[in-house]
Amino acid sequence: MDRLLTEVLAEETQVWEALVKGDTEAYQTALAEEFEGVYPDGVFGRETQLAVLEDGPTIDDYALASARVRPIGADHAMLIYHARYRRAGQVAWEAMRVTSLWRRRRGGWVNVFSQDTPEGAPVP
């Protein structure tokens, strides 16, 4: 399980690094063609996700914590973690909970799904 967490978290970190660097090629490599993401403003596929980097980096800094992984069959893994980040050009930090589904492929992993839930006030 520790090896699986290390592998998948490294791939997820590369996604964040692509957002920091504005690296569309690395972002494209990480996302499956059938990728879908669920966000507060909608559900988007791979092409919409790649378009966010058209104007350059979207994130200045980030920190990932409390990561855990769940194997989903032989070739998939679900990564769950807490992210703190600063959007490009912003001072304030934001936080969210992320769940991402990764599929094993030759030589690594590819992200097929992600859901980002902004951290808010606790539910009573």
N, C-alpha and C. Protein backbone atom coordinates (compact mmCIF):
# COMPACT_ATOMS: atom_id res chain seq x y z
N MET A 1 0.83 -1.20 0.00
CA MET A 1 0.00 0.00 0.00
C MET A 1 0.87 1.25 0.00
N ASP A 2 1.99 1.24 0.75
CA ASP A 2 2.86 2.41 0.78
C ASP A 2 3.44 2.69 -0.60
N ARG A 3 3.79 1.63 -1.33
CA ARG A 3 4.33 1.82 -2.68
C ARG A 3 3.28 2.44 -3.59
N LEU A 4 2.05 1.96 -3.50
CA LEU A 4 0.96 2.50 -4.32
C LEU A 4 0.75 3.98 -4.00
N LEU A 5 0.72 4.33 -2.74
CA LEU A 5 0.55 5.72 -2.37
C LEU A 5 1.69 6.57 -2.92
N THR A 6 2.91 6.10 -2.78
CA THR A 6 4.07 6.84 -3.28
C THR A 6 3.97 7.06 -4.79
N GLU A 7 3.60 6.02 -5.53
CA GLU A 7 3.49 6.12 -6.99
C GLU A 7 2.41 7.10 -7.42
N VAL A 8 1.22 6.94 -6.87
CA VAL A 8 0.09 7.76 -7.32
C VAL A 8 0.24 9.21 -6.84
N LEU A 9 0.73 9.39 -5.62
CA LEU A 9 0.95 10.75 -5.13
C LEU A 9 2.01 11.48 -5.96
N ALA A 10 3.01 10.77 -6.41
CA ALA A 10 4.03 11.38 -7.28
C ALA A 10 3.39 11.84 -8.60
N GLU A 11 2.49 11.05 -9.14
CA GLU A 11 1.79 11.44 -10.37
C GLU A 11 0.91 12.66 -10.13
N GLU A 12 0.20 12.67 -9.01
CA GLU A 12 -0.67 13.80 -8.67
C GLU A 12 0.16 15.07 -8.48
N THR A 13 1.31 14.92 -7.87
CA THR A 13 2.21 16.06 -7.67
C THR A 13 2.66 16.62 -9.01
N GLN A 14 2.87 15.76 -10.00
CA GLN A 14 3.25 16.24 -11.33
C GLN A 14 2.14 17.08 -11.96
N VAL A 15 0.89 16.75 -11.67
CA VAL A 15 -0.23 17.57 -12.14
C VAL A 15 -0.14 18.97 -11.54
N TRP A 16 0.08 19.03 -10.24
CA TRP A 16 0.21 20.33 -9.57
C TRP A 16 1.41 21.10 -10.11
N GLU A 17 2.52 20.41 -10.35
CA GLU A 17 3.71 21.08 -10.90
C GLU A 17 3.42 21.64 -12.29
N ALA A 18 2.65 20.92 -13.08
CA ALA A 18 2.28 21.42 -14.41
C ALA A 18 1.48 22.72 -14.29
N LEU A 19 0.60 22.80 -13.29
CA LEU A 19 -0.19 24.02 -13.07
C LEU A 19 0.70 25.18 -12.63
N VAL A 20 1.72 24.89 -11.83
CA VAL A 20 2.66 25.92 -11.37
C VAL A 20 3.53 26.41 -12.53
N LYS A 21 3.96 25.50 -13.38
CA LYS A 21 4.87 25.85 -14.47
C LYS A 21 4.15 26.28 -15.75
N GLY A 22 2.84 26.06 -15.79
CA GLY A 22 2.11 26.32 -17.03
C GLY A 22 2.49 25.33 -18.12
N ASP A 23 2.82 24.11 -17.73
CA ASP A 23 3.33 23.08 -18.63
C ASP A 23 2.18 22.25 -19.21
N THR A 24 1.66 22.71 -20.34
CA THR A 24 0.52 22.04 -20.97
C THR A 24 0.87 20.62 -21.38
N GLU A 25 2.08 20.39 -21.85
CA GLU A 25 2.48 19.05 -22.30
C GLU A 25 2.45 18.05 -21.13
N ALA A 26 3.00 18.44 -19.99
CA ALA A 26 2.99 17.55 -18.82
C ALA A 26 1.57 17.32 -18.34
N TYR A 27 0.75 18.35 -18.38
CA TYR A 27 -0.65 18.24 -17.96
C TYR A 27 -1.39 17.28 -18.89
N GLN A 28 -1.17 17.43 -20.19
CA GLN A 28 -1.81 16.57 -21.17
C GLN A 28 -1.40 15.11 -20.99
N THR A 29 -0.13 14.88 -20.69
CA THR A 29 0.37 13.53 -20.48
C THR A 29 -0.28 12.87 -19.26
N ALA A 30 -0.57 13.67 -18.24
CA ALA A 30 -1.14 13.13 -17.00
C ALA A 30 -2.62 12.80 -17.11
N LEU A 31 -3.33 13.48 -18.02
CA LEU A 31 -4.78 13.31 -18.10
C LEU A 31 -5.16 12.34 -19.21
N ALA A 32 -5.99 11.35 -18.86
CA ALA A 32 -6.50 10.41 -19.84
C ALA A 32 -7.37 11.15 -20.86
N GLU A 33 -7.47 10.62 -22.05
CA GLU A 33 -8.32 11.26 -23.06
C GLU A 33 -9.76 11.37 -22.58
N GLU A 34 -10.21 10.40 -21.80
CA GLU A 34 -11.60 10.41 -21.29
C GLU A 34 -11.72 11.09 -19.93
N PHE A 35 -10.68 11.82 -19.50
CA PHE A 35 -10.69 12.49 -18.20
C PHE A 35 -11.94 13.34 -18.02
N GLU A 36 -12.48 13.31 -16.78
CA GLU A 36 -13.55 14.22 -16.38
C GLU A 36 -13.23 14.73 -15.00
N GLY A 37 -13.50 16.02 -14.80
CA GLY A 37 -13.29 16.64 -13.51
C GLY A 37 -14.57 17.29 -13.02
N VAL A 38 -14.84 17.11 -11.73
CA VAL A 38 -16.03 17.70 -11.11
C VAL A 38 -15.57 18.81 -10.18
N TYR A 39 -16.03 20.02 -10.45
CA TYR A 39 -15.60 21.20 -9.72
C TYR A 39 -16.82 22.03 -9.31
N PRO A 40 -16.65 23.00 -8.42
CA PRO A 40 -17.80 23.82 -8.02
C PRO A 40 -18.51 24.50 -9.18
N ASP A 41 -17.77 24.78 -10.27
CA ASP A 41 -18.38 25.49 -11.40
C ASP A 41 -18.77 24.58 -12.56
N GLY A 42 -18.70 23.26 -12.39
CA GLY A 42 -19.16 22.37 -13.44
C GLY A 42 -18.35 21.10 -13.59
N VAL A 43 -18.71 20.33 -14.61
CA VAL A 43 -18.03 19.08 -14.96
C VAL A 43 -17.34 19.32 -16.30
N PHE A 44 -16.03 19.05 -16.34
CA PHE A 44 -15.27 19.38 -17.53
C PHE A 44 -14.41 18.20 -17.97
N GLY A 45 -14.23 18.10 -19.27
CA GLY A 45 -13.38 17.07 -19.85
C GLY A 45 -11.95 17.55 -20.02
N ARG A 46 -11.17 16.71 -20.64
CA ARG A 46 -9.73 16.94 -20.80
C ARG A 46 -9.42 18.24 -21.54
N GLU A 47 -10.06 18.49 -22.66
CA GLU A 47 -9.74 19.68 -23.45
C GLU A 47 -10.00 20.96 -22.68
N THR A 48 -11.07 20.99 -21.92
CA THR A 48 -11.36 22.18 -21.10
C THR A 48 -10.31 22.34 -20.02
N GLN A 49 -9.88 21.24 -19.44
CA GLN A 49 -8.83 21.30 -18.42
C GLN A 49 -7.53 21.82 -19.02
N LEU A 50 -7.16 21.33 -20.18
CA LEU A 50 -5.92 21.77 -20.81
C LEU A 50 -5.96 23.25 -21.15
N ALA A 51 -7.13 23.75 -21.50
CA ALA A 51 -7.29 25.16 -21.87
C ALA A 51 -6.98 26.11 -20.73
N VAL A 52 -7.06 25.64 -19.48
CA VAL A 52 -6.81 26.55 -18.35
C VAL A 52 -5.37 27.05 -18.35
N LEU A 53 -4.48 26.34 -19.03
CA LEU A 53 -3.08 26.74 -19.06
C LEU A 53 -2.72 27.61 -20.27
N GLU A 54 -3.70 27.96 -21.09
CA GLU A 54 -3.43 28.78 -22.28
C GLU A 54 -2.75 30.10 -21.94
N ASP A 55 -3.09 30.67 -20.80
CA ASP A 55 -2.52 31.95 -20.39
C ASP A 55 -1.36 31.79 -19.42
N GLY A 56 -0.86 30.58 -19.27
CA GLY A 56 0.27 30.35 -18.39
C GLY A 56 -0.13 29.69 -17.08
N PRO A 57 0.79 29.71 -16.11
CA PRO A 57 0.55 29.05 -14.82
C PRO A 57 -0.73 29.55 -14.14
N THR A 58 -1.41 28.63 -13.47
CA THR A 58 -2.62 28.99 -12.74
C THR A 58 -2.43 28.95 -11.22
N ILE A 59 -1.33 28.33 -10.78
CA ILE A 59 -1.04 28.18 -9.36
C ILE A 59 0.36 28.71 -9.09
N ASP A 60 0.52 29.47 -8.00
CA ASP A 60 1.85 29.94 -7.60
C ASP A 60 2.53 28.99 -6.63
N ASP A 61 1.74 28.39 -5.74
CA ASP A 61 2.31 27.52 -4.71
C ASP A 61 1.24 26.56 -4.23
N TYR A 62 1.65 25.44 -3.67
CA TYR A 62 0.69 24.46 -3.17
C TYR A 62 1.34 23.57 -2.12
N ALA A 63 0.51 22.91 -1.34
CA ALA A 63 0.96 21.92 -0.36
C ALA A 63 -0.11 20.83 -0.29
N LEU A 64 0.32 19.59 -0.42
CA LEU A 64 -0.59 18.45 -0.34
C LEU A 64 -0.35 17.73 0.99
N ALA A 65 -1.43 17.32 1.64
CA ALA A 65 -1.31 16.68 2.95
C ALA A 65 -2.39 15.62 3.13
N SER A 66 -2.20 14.81 4.14
CA SER A 66 -3.17 13.79 4.55
C SER A 66 -3.56 12.86 3.41
N ALA A 67 -2.62 12.52 2.58
CA ALA A 67 -2.91 11.66 1.43
C ALA A 67 -3.09 10.22 1.84
N ARG A 68 -4.06 9.59 1.21
CA ARG A 68 -4.26 8.15 1.36
C ARG A 68 -4.74 7.62 0.02
N VAL A 69 -4.57 6.33 -0.17
CA VAL A 69 -4.93 5.72 -1.44
C VAL A 69 -5.74 4.46 -1.21
N ARG A 70 -6.64 4.19 -2.12
CA ARG A 70 -7.45 2.97 -2.08
C ARG A 70 -7.31 2.28 -3.43
N PRO A 71 -6.84 1.03 -3.45
CA PRO A 71 -6.82 0.31 -4.72
C PRO A 71 -8.26 0.04 -5.18
N ILE A 72 -8.48 0.22 -6.46
CA ILE A 72 -9.79 -0.05 -7.07
C ILE A 72 -9.52 -1.07 -8.18
N GLY A 73 -9.60 -2.33 -7.84
CA GLY A 73 -9.25 -3.38 -8.78
C GLY A 73 -7.75 -3.44 -8.97
N ALA A 74 -7.33 -4.15 -10.02
CA ALA A 74 -5.91 -4.38 -10.25
C ALA A 74 -5.19 -3.18 -10.87
N ASP A 75 -5.90 -2.35 -11.63
CA ASP A 75 -5.24 -1.31 -12.40
C ASP A 75 -5.70 0.11 -12.12
N HIS A 76 -6.43 0.31 -11.03
CA HIS A 76 -6.90 1.66 -10.69
C HIS A 76 -6.63 1.94 -9.21
N ALA A 77 -6.46 3.21 -8.92
CA ALA A 77 -6.25 3.64 -7.53
C ALA A 77 -6.94 4.98 -7.32
N MET A 78 -7.58 5.12 -6.17
CA MET A 78 -8.24 6.37 -5.81
C MET A 78 -7.39 7.08 -4.76
N LEU A 79 -6.95 8.28 -5.09
CA LEU A 79 -6.15 9.10 -4.19
C LEU A 79 -7.04 10.15 -3.56
N ILE A 80 -6.93 10.29 -2.24
CA ILE A 80 -7.73 11.26 -1.48
C ILE A 80 -6.76 12.09 -0.66
N TYR A 81 -6.89 13.42 -0.72
CA TYR A 81 -5.96 14.26 0.02
C TYR A 81 -6.50 15.67 0.24
N HIS A 82 -5.78 16.42 1.03
CA HIS A 82 -6.09 17.82 1.31
C HIS A 82 -5.06 18.69 0.58
N ALA A 83 -5.54 19.71 -0.10
CA ALA A 83 -4.63 20.61 -0.83
C ALA A 83 -4.83 22.04 -0.35
N ARG A 84 -3.71 22.72 -0.13
CA ARG A 84 -3.70 24.17 0.09
C ARG A 84 -2.96 24.75 -1.11
N TYR A 85 -3.45 25.87 -1.61
CA TYR A 85 -2.82 26.44 -2.81
C TYR A 85 -3.08 27.94 -2.90
N ARG A 86 -2.20 28.60 -3.64
CA ARG A 86 -2.38 30.01 -3.96
C ARG A 86 -2.51 30.12 -5.47
N ARG A 87 -3.60 30.69 -5.91
CA ARG A 87 -3.78 30.91 -7.35
C ARG A 87 -2.74 31.91 -7.85
N ALA A 88 -2.41 31.82 -9.12
CA ALA A 88 -1.40 32.71 -9.71
C ALA A 88 -1.79 34.17 -9.47
N GLY A 89 -0.83 34.92 -8.93
CA GLY A 89 -1.03 36.34 -8.69
C GLY A 89 -1.82 36.69 -7.44
N GLN A 90 -2.22 35.69 -6.67
CA GLN A 90 -3.01 35.94 -5.46
C GLN A 90 -2.15 35.79 -4.21
N VAL A 91 -2.58 36.43 -3.13
CA VAL A 91 -1.86 36.35 -1.86
C VAL A 91 -2.50 35.30 -0.95
N ALA A 92 -3.82 35.25 -0.96
CA ALA A 92 -4.55 34.37 -0.05
C ALA A 92 -4.45 32.90 -0.46
N TRP A 93 -4.32 32.06 0.53
CA TRP A 93 -4.33 30.61 0.32
C TRP A 93 -5.77 30.12 0.32
N GLU A 94 -6.04 29.11 -0.49
CA GLU A 94 -7.33 28.43 -0.51
C GLU A 94 -7.07 26.97 -0.17
N ALA A 95 -8.15 26.26 0.17
CA ALA A 95 -7.99 24.85 0.52
C ALA A 95 -9.15 24.04 -0.06
N MET A 96 -8.85 22.79 -0.38
CA MET A 96 -9.88 21.89 -0.88
C MET A 96 -9.52 20.44 -0.58
N ARG A 97 -10.52 19.61 -0.64
CA ARG A 97 -10.36 18.16 -0.55
C ARG A 97 -10.43 17.62 -1.97
N VAL A 98 -9.54 16.72 -2.30
CA VAL A 98 -9.47 16.20 -3.66
C VAL A 98 -9.56 14.68 -3.64
N THR A 99 -10.32 14.16 -4.58
CA THR A 99 -10.35 12.73 -4.84
C THR A 99 -10.03 12.56 -6.32
N SER A 100 -9.02 11.77 -6.63
CA SER A 100 -8.69 11.55 -8.03
C SER A 100 -8.52 10.05 -8.28
N LEU A 101 -8.99 9.64 -9.43
CA LEU A 101 -8.93 8.23 -9.83
C LEU A 101 -7.86 8.09 -10.92
N TRP A 102 -6.94 7.19 -10.68
CA TRP A 102 -5.81 6.96 -11.58
C TRP A 102 -5.87 5.55 -12.14
N ARG A 103 -5.49 5.40 -13.42
CA ARG A 103 -5.44 4.08 -14.07
C ARG A 103 -3.98 3.77 -14.41
N ARG A 104 -3.57 2.57 -14.05
CA ARG A 104 -2.20 2.13 -14.36
C ARG A 104 -2.07 1.96 -15.88
N ARG A 105 -0.95 2.40 -16.38
CA ARG A 105 -0.62 2.20 -17.79
C ARG A 105 0.85 1.84 -17.87
N ARG A 106 1.28 1.38 -19.01
CA ARG A 106 2.69 1.04 -19.17
C ARG A 106 3.55 2.24 -18.80
N GLY A 107 4.42 2.05 -17.83
CA GLY A 107 5.34 3.11 -17.46
C GLY A 107 4.80 4.13 -16.48
N GLY A 108 3.62 3.92 -15.93
CA GLY A 108 3.12 4.88 -14.95
C GLY A 108 1.62 4.84 -14.78
N TRP A 109 1.05 6.03 -14.61
CA TRP A 109 -0.37 6.17 -14.32
C TRP A 109 -0.95 7.32 -15.14
N VAL A 110 -2.27 7.30 -15.35
CA VAL A 110 -2.96 8.38 -16.02
C VAL A 110 -4.21 8.71 -15.21
N ASN A 111 -4.51 10.00 -15.08
CA ASN A 111 -5.64 10.48 -14.28
C ASN A 111 -6.92 10.43 -15.13
N VAL A 112 -7.92 9.69 -14.65
CA VAL A 112 -9.16 9.56 -15.40
C VAL A 112 -10.31 10.37 -14.80
N PHE A 113 -10.18 10.76 -13.52
CA PHE A 113 -11.27 11.49 -12.86
C PHE A 113 -10.73 12.25 -11.67
N SER A 114 -11.28 13.43 -11.43
CA SER A 114 -10.93 14.19 -10.23
C SER A 114 -12.15 14.96 -9.75
N GLN A 115 -12.32 15.02 -8.45
CA GLN A 115 -13.35 15.87 -7.86
C GLN A 115 -12.69 16.74 -6.80
N ASP A 116 -12.83 18.06 -6.96
CA ASP A 116 -12.25 19.03 -6.04
C ASP A 116 -13.38 19.68 -5.26
N THR A 117 -13.34 19.56 -3.95
CA THR A 117 -14.37 20.12 -3.09
C THR A 117 -13.74 21.21 -2.22
N PRO A 118 -14.13 22.47 -2.45
CA PRO A 118 -13.55 23.54 -1.62
C PRO A 118 -13.84 23.31 -0.16
N GLU A 119 -12.84 23.61 0.65
CA GLU A 119 -13.01 23.47 2.08
C GLU A 119 -13.86 24.63 2.59
N GLY A 120 -14.84 24.32 3.37
CA GLY A 120 -15.72 25.34 3.91
C GLY A 120 -15.98 25.09 5.37
N ALA A 121 -17.01 25.76 5.85
CA ALA A 121 -17.40 25.58 7.24
C ALA A 121 -17.87 24.15 7.45
N PRO A 122 -17.57 23.56 8.60
CA PRO A 122 -18.02 22.19 8.88
C PRO A 122 -19.53 22.08 8.86
N VAL A 123 -20.01 20.95 8.41
CA VAL A 123 -21.45 20.68 8.41
C VAL A 123 -21.85 20.33 9.83
N PRO A 124 -22.91 20.97 10.34
CA PRO A 124 -23.33 20.67 11.73
C PRO A 124 -23.83 19.26 11.90
